[in-house]
Amino acid sequence: MYDRRGTLDKTLLFEQHYPLVRRLAYQIGQRLPPNVEVDDLIQVGTIGLMQALERYTPADGDNFEAYLASRIRGAILDELREQDEFRAALAGFISELPEREKQTLGMYYEHDMTLREIGVVLGGNESRVSQIHAAALKTLRRRIREWT
């Protein structure tokens, strides 16, 4: 746990406690919708582990394992909260788009329709649908930049 200089060997500790990251990510992931990737939770948990190893001091008096588990779990939950906030904001931004832009995005991203197929449904050509699609994305990008 300590190197020759008497400091925490963070590389060794990381290797020893990485399985904790995986275990916590899978535990949390079991309670989430299937669109949440466990690999993403592991990645965020790994960052939480590295930050915990940087911040921990034995003087903290905490049980080391409990401290790590708390920090890893907290990092994962913080990321999930941020994703939920972003999804809610994005849904709100989409709902404010003109109806034709909402329809275009829905058909393109939810129903995997091509621009040509969307043109047939909306009564336009592929070029016009491409313009509508581009305008919707430009508006969403701008609103997201303003939001962040």
N, C-alpha and C. Protein backbone atom coordinates (compact mmCIF):
# COMPACT_ATOMS: atom_id res chain seq x y z
N MET A 1 0.82 -1.18 0.00
CA MET A 1 0.00 0.00 0.00
C MET A 1 0.87 1.26 0.00
N TYR A 2 2.00 1.21 0.65
CA TYR A 2 2.92 2.34 0.68
C TYR A 2 4.19 1.97 -0.08
N ASP A 3 4.80 2.97 -0.71
CA ASP A 3 6.06 2.72 -1.41
C ASP A 3 7.22 2.93 -0.44
N ARG A 4 8.45 2.89 -0.96
CA ARG A 4 9.64 3.00 -0.11
C ARG A 4 9.75 4.33 0.62
N ARG A 5 9.16 5.37 0.05
CA ARG A 5 9.23 6.70 0.67
C ARG A 5 8.14 6.90 1.73
N GLY A 6 7.29 5.92 1.89
CA GLY A 6 6.22 6.03 2.88
C GLY A 6 4.96 6.71 2.37
N THR A 7 4.87 6.89 1.05
CA THR A 7 3.66 7.49 0.48
C THR A 7 2.80 6.38 -0.13
N LEU A 8 1.52 6.70 -0.28
CA LEU A 8 0.61 5.72 -0.86
C LEU A 8 1.05 5.37 -2.28
N ASP A 9 1.11 4.09 -2.58
CA ASP A 9 1.42 3.63 -3.93
C ASP A 9 0.10 3.60 -4.71
N LYS A 10 -0.17 4.70 -5.40
CA LYS A 10 -1.46 4.87 -6.07
C LYS A 10 -1.66 3.91 -7.23
N THR A 11 -0.60 3.55 -7.90
CA THR A 11 -0.72 2.59 -9.00
C THR A 11 -1.17 1.24 -8.47
N LEU A 12 -0.54 0.78 -7.41
CA LEU A 12 -0.92 -0.49 -6.80
C LEU A 12 -2.34 -0.43 -6.27
N LEU A 13 -2.67 0.66 -5.61
CA LEU A 13 -4.03 0.81 -5.06
C LEU A 13 -5.07 0.83 -6.18
N PHE A 14 -4.74 1.50 -7.28
CA PHE A 14 -5.66 1.52 -8.41
C PHE A 14 -5.91 0.11 -8.92
N GLU A 15 -4.85 -0.64 -9.12
CA GLU A 15 -4.98 -2.01 -9.62
C GLU A 15 -5.76 -2.89 -8.65
N GLN A 16 -5.54 -2.70 -7.36
CA GLN A 16 -6.24 -3.51 -6.37
C GLN A 16 -7.72 -3.17 -6.28
N HIS A 17 -8.08 -1.92 -6.52
CA HIS A 17 -9.45 -1.48 -6.30
C HIS A 17 -10.26 -1.27 -7.57
N TYR A 18 -9.65 -1.49 -8.72
CA TYR A 18 -10.40 -1.38 -9.97
C TYR A 18 -11.60 -2.35 -10.01
N PRO A 19 -11.47 -3.58 -9.49
CA PRO A 19 -12.64 -4.46 -9.46
C PRO A 19 -13.83 -3.86 -8.68
N LEU A 20 -13.55 -3.01 -7.71
CA LEU A 20 -14.61 -2.33 -6.98
C LEU A 20 -15.39 -1.41 -7.92
N VAL A 21 -14.68 -0.73 -8.82
CA VAL A 21 -15.33 0.13 -9.81
C VAL A 21 -16.29 -0.69 -10.66
N ARG A 22 -15.82 -1.81 -11.16
CA ARG A 22 -16.66 -2.67 -12.01
C ARG A 22 -17.87 -3.18 -11.25
N ARG A 23 -17.65 -3.63 -10.01
CA ARG A 23 -18.76 -4.15 -9.21
C ARG A 23 -19.83 -3.07 -8.98
N LEU A 24 -19.39 -1.88 -8.59
CA LEU A 24 -20.35 -0.80 -8.33
C LEU A 24 -21.07 -0.37 -9.61
N ALA A 25 -20.34 -0.31 -10.72
CA ALA A 25 -20.95 0.07 -11.99
C ALA A 25 -22.03 -0.94 -12.40
N TYR A 26 -21.75 -2.23 -12.22
CA TYR A 26 -22.75 -3.24 -12.56
C TYR A 26 -23.93 -3.19 -11.60
N GLN A 27 -23.69 -2.95 -10.33
CA GLN A 27 -24.79 -2.84 -9.37
C GLN A 27 -25.71 -1.67 -9.72
N ILE A 28 -25.12 -0.53 -10.01
CA ILE A 28 -25.91 0.64 -10.37
C ILE A 28 -26.59 0.42 -11.72
N GLY A 29 -25.86 -0.15 -12.65
CA GLY A 29 -26.37 -0.37 -14.00
C GLY A 29 -27.58 -1.29 -14.04
N GLN A 30 -27.68 -2.22 -13.10
CA GLN A 30 -28.83 -3.14 -13.06
C GLN A 30 -30.13 -2.41 -12.81
N ARG A 31 -30.06 -1.25 -12.17
CA ARG A 31 -31.27 -0.49 -11.83
C ARG A 31 -31.58 0.60 -12.85
N LEU A 32 -30.86 0.63 -13.95
CA LEU A 32 -31.03 1.68 -14.95
C LEU A 32 -31.61 1.12 -16.23
N PRO A 33 -32.15 2.00 -17.09
CA PRO A 33 -32.68 1.53 -18.37
C PRO A 33 -31.57 0.93 -19.24
N PRO A 34 -31.93 0.07 -20.17
CA PRO A 34 -30.93 -0.61 -20.99
C PRO A 34 -30.11 0.31 -21.88
N ASN A 35 -30.57 1.54 -22.12
CA ASN A 35 -29.80 2.44 -22.97
C ASN A 35 -28.57 3.02 -22.25
N VAL A 36 -28.47 2.81 -20.94
CA VAL A 36 -27.29 3.26 -20.20
C VAL A 36 -26.26 2.14 -20.26
N GLU A 37 -25.12 2.45 -20.84
CA GLU A 37 -24.06 1.46 -21.03
C GLU A 37 -23.23 1.30 -19.75
N VAL A 38 -23.05 0.07 -19.31
CA VAL A 38 -22.24 -0.19 -18.13
C VAL A 38 -20.80 0.25 -18.35
N ASP A 39 -20.31 0.12 -19.57
CA ASP A 39 -18.94 0.58 -19.87
C ASP A 39 -18.78 2.07 -19.58
N ASP A 40 -19.82 2.85 -19.86
CA ASP A 40 -19.76 4.29 -19.55
C ASP A 40 -19.71 4.50 -18.04
N LEU A 41 -20.47 3.70 -17.30
CA LEU A 41 -20.46 3.81 -15.83
C LEU A 41 -19.08 3.42 -15.29
N ILE A 42 -18.48 2.40 -15.88
CA ILE A 42 -17.14 1.98 -15.46
C ILE A 42 -16.13 3.09 -15.72
N GLN A 43 -16.25 3.74 -16.86
CA GLN A 43 -15.33 4.82 -17.20
C GLN A 43 -15.44 5.95 -16.18
N VAL A 44 -16.65 6.36 -15.86
CA VAL A 44 -16.85 7.44 -14.89
C VAL A 44 -16.40 6.98 -13.51
N GLY A 45 -16.69 5.74 -13.16
CA GLY A 45 -16.25 5.20 -11.87
C GLY A 45 -14.74 5.15 -11.75
N THR A 46 -14.08 4.85 -12.86
CA THR A 46 -12.61 4.82 -12.88
C THR A 46 -12.05 6.22 -12.58
N ILE A 47 -12.65 7.21 -13.17
CA ILE A 47 -12.23 8.59 -12.88
C ILE A 47 -12.47 8.90 -11.41
N GLY A 48 -13.60 8.45 -10.87
CA GLY A 48 -13.89 8.63 -9.45
C GLY A 48 -12.85 7.96 -8.57
N LEU A 49 -12.42 6.76 -8.96
CA LEU A 49 -11.38 6.05 -8.21
C LEU A 49 -10.07 6.83 -8.23
N MET A 50 -9.68 7.31 -9.41
CA MET A 50 -8.42 8.07 -9.51
C MET A 50 -8.48 9.35 -8.66
N GLN A 51 -9.62 10.04 -8.70
CA GLN A 51 -9.76 11.25 -7.89
C GLN A 51 -9.72 10.92 -6.40
N ALA A 52 -10.35 9.82 -6.02
CA ALA A 52 -10.36 9.42 -4.62
C ALA A 52 -8.95 9.09 -4.14
N LEU A 53 -8.19 8.42 -4.98
CA LEU A 53 -6.81 8.09 -4.61
C LEU A 53 -5.96 9.35 -4.46
N GLU A 54 -6.24 10.36 -5.27
CA GLU A 54 -5.50 11.62 -5.19
C GLU A 54 -5.86 12.38 -3.91
N ARG A 55 -7.10 12.30 -3.50
CA ARG A 55 -7.58 13.13 -2.39
C ARG A 55 -7.48 12.48 -1.02
N TYR A 56 -7.36 11.18 -1.00
CA TYR A 56 -7.37 10.47 0.28
C TYR A 56 -6.11 10.74 1.09
N THR A 57 -6.31 10.96 2.35
CA THR A 57 -5.19 11.02 3.28
C THR A 57 -5.55 10.13 4.46
N PRO A 58 -4.60 9.33 4.93
CA PRO A 58 -4.91 8.42 6.04
C PRO A 58 -5.45 9.16 7.27
N ALA A 59 -5.15 10.44 7.39
CA ALA A 59 -5.65 11.22 8.52
C ALA A 59 -7.16 11.43 8.44
N ASP A 60 -7.75 11.16 7.26
CA ASP A 60 -9.20 11.31 7.12
C ASP A 60 -9.95 10.42 8.10
N GLY A 61 -9.32 9.33 8.51
CA GLY A 61 -9.91 8.45 9.50
C GLY A 61 -10.99 7.53 8.96
N ASP A 62 -11.33 7.67 7.69
CA ASP A 62 -12.35 6.81 7.10
C ASP A 62 -11.80 5.42 6.83
N ASN A 63 -12.69 4.47 6.80
CA ASN A 63 -12.34 3.17 6.31
C ASN A 63 -12.01 3.35 4.83
N PHE A 64 -10.82 2.94 4.41
CA PHE A 64 -10.35 3.20 3.05
C PHE A 64 -11.30 2.64 2.00
N GLU A 65 -11.73 1.40 2.18
CA GLU A 65 -12.63 0.77 1.22
C GLU A 65 -13.96 1.53 1.15
N ALA A 66 -14.50 1.90 2.29
CA ALA A 66 -15.77 2.64 2.32
C ALA A 66 -15.61 4.00 1.65
N TYR A 67 -14.47 4.64 1.91
CA TYR A 67 -14.19 5.93 1.29
C TYR A 67 -14.17 5.79 -0.23
N LEU A 68 -13.44 4.80 -0.73
CA LEU A 68 -13.36 4.60 -2.18
C LEU A 68 -14.73 4.30 -2.77
N ALA A 69 -15.46 3.41 -2.13
CA ALA A 69 -16.79 3.03 -2.65
C ALA A 69 -17.70 4.25 -2.71
N SER A 70 -17.64 5.08 -1.69
CA SER A 70 -18.47 6.28 -1.65
C SER A 70 -18.10 7.24 -2.77
N ARG A 71 -16.82 7.44 -3.00
CA ARG A 71 -16.37 8.36 -4.04
C ARG A 71 -16.69 7.83 -5.44
N ILE A 72 -16.51 6.54 -5.64
CA ILE A 72 -16.80 5.93 -6.94
C ILE A 72 -18.29 6.00 -7.23
N ARG A 73 -19.10 5.58 -6.27
CA ARG A 73 -20.56 5.63 -6.42
C ARG A 73 -21.01 7.07 -6.67
N GLY A 74 -20.44 8.01 -5.92
CA GLY A 74 -20.80 9.42 -6.10
C GLY A 74 -20.47 9.93 -7.48
N ALA A 75 -19.32 9.55 -8.02
CA ALA A 75 -18.93 9.98 -9.36
C ALA A 75 -19.91 9.45 -10.41
N ILE A 76 -20.30 8.20 -10.26
CA ILE A 76 -21.25 7.59 -11.21
C ILE A 76 -22.60 8.29 -11.12
N LEU A 77 -23.10 8.49 -9.91
CA LEU A 77 -24.41 9.12 -9.74
C LEU A 77 -24.41 10.57 -10.20
N ASP A 78 -23.31 11.29 -9.97
CA ASP A 78 -23.21 12.66 -10.46
C ASP A 78 -23.31 12.71 -11.98
N GLU A 79 -22.64 11.78 -12.65
CA GLU A 79 -22.68 11.73 -14.11
C GLU A 79 -24.10 11.42 -14.60
N LEU A 80 -24.78 10.50 -13.93
CA LEU A 80 -26.14 10.17 -14.33
C LEU A 80 -27.07 11.37 -14.16
N ARG A 81 -26.88 12.13 -13.08
CA ARG A 81 -27.69 13.33 -12.87
C ARG A 81 -27.45 14.35 -13.99
N GLU A 82 -26.19 14.54 -14.35
CA GLU A 82 -25.87 15.47 -15.43
C GLU A 82 -26.50 15.03 -16.74
N GLN A 83 -26.46 13.73 -17.02
CA GLN A 83 -27.07 13.22 -18.25
C GLN A 83 -28.57 13.45 -18.24
N ASP A 84 -29.22 13.24 -17.09
CA ASP A 84 -30.67 13.47 -16.99
C ASP A 84 -31.01 14.94 -17.23
N GLU A 85 -30.21 15.84 -16.66
CA GLU A 85 -30.44 17.27 -16.86
C GLU A 85 -30.29 17.62 -18.33
N PHE A 86 -29.28 17.06 -18.98
CA PHE A 86 -29.05 17.34 -20.39
C PHE A 86 -30.20 16.81 -21.24
N ARG A 87 -30.64 15.58 -20.95
CA ARG A 87 -31.75 15.00 -21.71
C ARG A 87 -33.02 15.84 -21.56
N ALA A 88 -33.28 16.29 -20.34
CA ALA A 88 -34.47 17.12 -20.11
C ALA A 88 -34.37 18.44 -20.86
N ALA A 89 -33.18 19.04 -20.81
CA ALA A 89 -32.99 20.31 -21.53
C ALA A 89 -33.14 20.10 -23.03
N LEU A 90 -32.55 19.05 -23.55
CA LEU A 90 -32.63 18.78 -24.99
C LEU A 90 -34.08 18.54 -25.41
N ALA A 91 -34.82 17.78 -24.61
CA ALA A 91 -36.23 17.55 -24.93
C ALA A 91 -37.00 18.87 -24.95
N GLY A 92 -36.68 19.75 -24.02
CA GLY A 92 -37.33 21.06 -23.99
C GLY A 92 -36.98 21.88 -25.22
N PHE A 93 -35.70 21.85 -25.62
CA PHE A 93 -35.29 22.60 -26.80
C PHE A 93 -35.98 22.06 -28.04
N ILE A 94 -36.08 20.74 -28.14
CA ILE A 94 -36.73 20.13 -29.31
C ILE A 94 -38.20 20.52 -29.35
N SER A 95 -38.85 20.53 -28.19
CA SER A 95 -40.28 20.86 -28.16
C SER A 95 -40.54 22.29 -28.61
N GLU A 96 -39.54 23.17 -28.53
CA GLU A 96 -39.70 24.56 -28.95
C GLU A 96 -39.45 24.77 -30.44
N LEU A 97 -38.96 23.75 -31.13
CA LEU A 97 -38.70 23.87 -32.56
C LEU A 97 -40.01 23.97 -33.33
N PRO A 98 -39.96 24.58 -34.53
CA PRO A 98 -41.15 24.56 -35.39
C PRO A 98 -41.55 23.10 -35.70
N GLU A 99 -42.83 22.89 -35.92
CA GLU A 99 -43.37 21.55 -36.09
C GLU A 99 -42.66 20.76 -37.19
N ARG A 100 -42.38 21.38 -38.31
CA ARG A 100 -41.73 20.68 -39.43
C ARG A 100 -40.32 20.19 -39.03
N GLU A 101 -39.59 21.00 -38.25
CA GLU A 101 -38.26 20.60 -37.80
C GLU A 101 -38.36 19.44 -36.80
N LYS A 102 -39.34 19.50 -35.91
CA LYS A 102 -39.54 18.38 -34.96
C LYS A 102 -39.87 17.10 -35.70
N GLN A 103 -40.75 17.19 -36.68
CA GLN A 103 -41.12 16.01 -37.46
C GLN A 103 -39.91 15.44 -38.19
N THR A 104 -39.13 16.32 -38.78
CA THR A 104 -37.94 15.87 -39.52
C THR A 104 -36.97 15.15 -38.60
N LEU A 105 -36.68 15.74 -37.43
CA LEU A 105 -35.76 15.09 -36.49
C LEU A 105 -36.32 13.76 -36.01
N GLY A 106 -37.60 13.72 -35.72
CA GLY A 106 -38.22 12.47 -35.26
C GLY A 106 -38.12 11.36 -36.29
N MET A 107 -38.45 11.70 -37.52
CA MET A 107 -38.39 10.67 -38.57
C MET A 107 -36.96 10.23 -38.83
N TYR A 108 -36.02 11.16 -38.78
CA TYR A 108 -34.64 10.85 -39.08
C TYR A 108 -33.98 10.04 -37.96
N TYR A 109 -34.13 10.50 -36.72
CA TYR A 109 -33.41 9.87 -35.61
C TYR A 109 -34.18 8.76 -34.91
N GLU A 110 -35.48 8.87 -34.83
CA GLU A 110 -36.25 7.84 -34.13
C GLU A 110 -36.70 6.71 -35.05
N HIS A 111 -37.00 7.07 -36.30
CA HIS A 111 -37.51 6.06 -37.23
C HIS A 111 -36.50 5.68 -38.31
N ASP A 112 -35.29 6.23 -38.21
CA ASP A 112 -34.21 5.90 -39.14
C ASP A 112 -34.61 6.06 -40.61
N MET A 113 -35.39 7.08 -40.90
CA MET A 113 -35.79 7.34 -42.28
C MET A 113 -34.71 8.16 -42.98
N THR A 114 -34.57 7.97 -44.27
CA THR A 114 -33.62 8.77 -45.05
C THR A 114 -34.26 10.13 -45.34
N LEU A 115 -33.43 11.07 -45.77
CA LEU A 115 -33.96 12.40 -46.12
C LEU A 115 -34.94 12.30 -47.29
N ARG A 116 -34.68 11.42 -48.20
CA ARG A 116 -35.58 11.21 -49.33
C ARG A 116 -36.94 10.69 -48.84
N GLU A 117 -36.93 9.71 -47.93
CA GLU A 117 -38.18 9.16 -47.40
C GLU A 117 -38.95 10.23 -46.62
N ILE A 118 -38.24 11.05 -45.87
CA ILE A 118 -38.89 12.12 -45.12
C ILE A 118 -39.53 13.12 -46.09
N GLY A 119 -38.83 13.40 -47.19
CA GLY A 119 -39.37 14.30 -48.21
C GLY A 119 -40.69 13.81 -48.77
N VAL A 120 -40.79 12.51 -48.98
CA VAL A 120 -42.03 11.93 -49.50
C VAL A 120 -43.16 12.14 -48.48
N VAL A 121 -42.87 11.90 -47.21
CA VAL A 121 -43.89 12.05 -46.16
C VAL A 121 -44.32 13.51 -46.02
N LEU A 122 -43.34 14.41 -46.03
CA LEU A 122 -43.64 15.83 -45.81
C LEU A 122 -44.05 16.57 -47.08
N GLY A 123 -43.92 15.90 -48.21
CA GLY A 123 -44.30 16.54 -49.47
C GLY A 123 -43.25 17.51 -49.98
N GLY A 124 -41.99 17.20 -49.77
CA GLY A 124 -40.90 18.04 -50.25
C GLY A 124 -39.83 17.18 -50.88
N ASN A 125 -38.76 17.81 -51.32
CA ASN A 125 -37.68 17.02 -51.89
C ASN A 125 -36.56 16.83 -50.86
N GLU A 126 -35.63 15.99 -51.21
CA GLU A 126 -34.52 15.64 -50.32
C GLU A 126 -33.70 16.87 -49.93
N SER A 127 -33.49 17.75 -50.88
CA SER A 127 -32.71 18.96 -50.63
C SER A 127 -33.39 19.85 -49.58
N ARG A 128 -34.69 20.02 -49.70
CA ARG A 128 -35.42 20.86 -48.73
C ARG A 128 -35.41 20.22 -47.35
N VAL A 129 -35.57 18.91 -47.28
CA VAL A 129 -35.53 18.21 -45.99
C VAL A 129 -34.15 18.36 -45.36
N SER A 130 -33.10 18.30 -46.18
CA SER A 130 -31.74 18.50 -45.68
C SER A 130 -31.59 19.89 -45.06
N GLN A 131 -32.18 20.89 -45.70
CA GLN A 131 -32.14 22.26 -45.16
C GLN A 131 -32.88 22.36 -43.83
N ILE A 132 -34.05 21.73 -43.76
CA ILE A 132 -34.84 21.73 -42.52
C ILE A 132 -34.06 21.05 -41.40
N HIS A 133 -33.46 19.91 -41.73
CA HIS A 133 -32.67 19.14 -40.77
C HIS A 133 -31.50 19.97 -40.27
N ALA A 134 -30.78 20.60 -41.18
CA ALA A 134 -29.62 21.43 -40.81
C ALA A 134 -30.04 22.61 -39.94
N ALA A 135 -31.16 23.24 -40.27
CA ALA A 135 -31.65 24.37 -39.48
C ALA A 135 -32.00 23.94 -38.06
N ALA A 136 -32.63 22.77 -37.93
CA ALA A 136 -33.00 22.27 -36.61
C ALA A 136 -31.75 22.00 -35.78
N LEU A 137 -30.76 21.36 -36.38
CA LEU A 137 -29.51 21.07 -35.65
C LEU A 137 -28.78 22.34 -35.26
N LYS A 138 -28.78 23.32 -36.14
CA LYS A 138 -28.12 24.59 -35.84
C LYS A 138 -28.80 25.26 -34.64
N THR A 139 -30.11 25.27 -34.63
CA THR A 139 -30.85 25.85 -33.51
C THR A 139 -30.56 25.10 -32.22
N LEU A 140 -30.56 23.77 -32.27
CA LEU A 140 -30.30 22.98 -31.07
C LEU A 140 -28.88 23.21 -30.56
N ARG A 141 -27.92 23.26 -31.46
CA ARG A 141 -26.53 23.52 -31.04
C ARG A 141 -26.40 24.87 -30.34
N ARG A 142 -27.05 25.87 -30.92
CA ARG A 142 -26.99 27.20 -30.32
C ARG A 142 -27.62 27.21 -28.93
N ARG A 143 -28.76 26.59 -28.80
CA ARG A 143 -29.44 26.57 -27.50
C ARG A 143 -28.66 25.77 -26.46
N ILE A 144 -28.02 24.71 -26.89
CA ILE A 144 -27.20 23.92 -25.96
C ILE A 144 -25.99 24.73 -25.51
N ARG A 145 -25.36 25.45 -26.44
CA ARG A 145 -24.22 26.31 -26.06
C ARG A 145 -24.66 27.37 -25.06
N GLU A 146 -25.81 27.97 -25.28
CA GLU A 146 -26.33 28.98 -24.37
C GLU A 146 -26.65 28.38 -23.00
N TRP A 147 -27.09 27.14 -23.00
CA TRP A 147 -27.49 26.47 -21.77
C TRP A 147 -26.30 26.06 -20.92
N THR A 148 -25.19 25.68 -21.59
CA THR A 148 -24.03 25.18 -20.83
C THR A 148 -23.12 26.26 -20.35
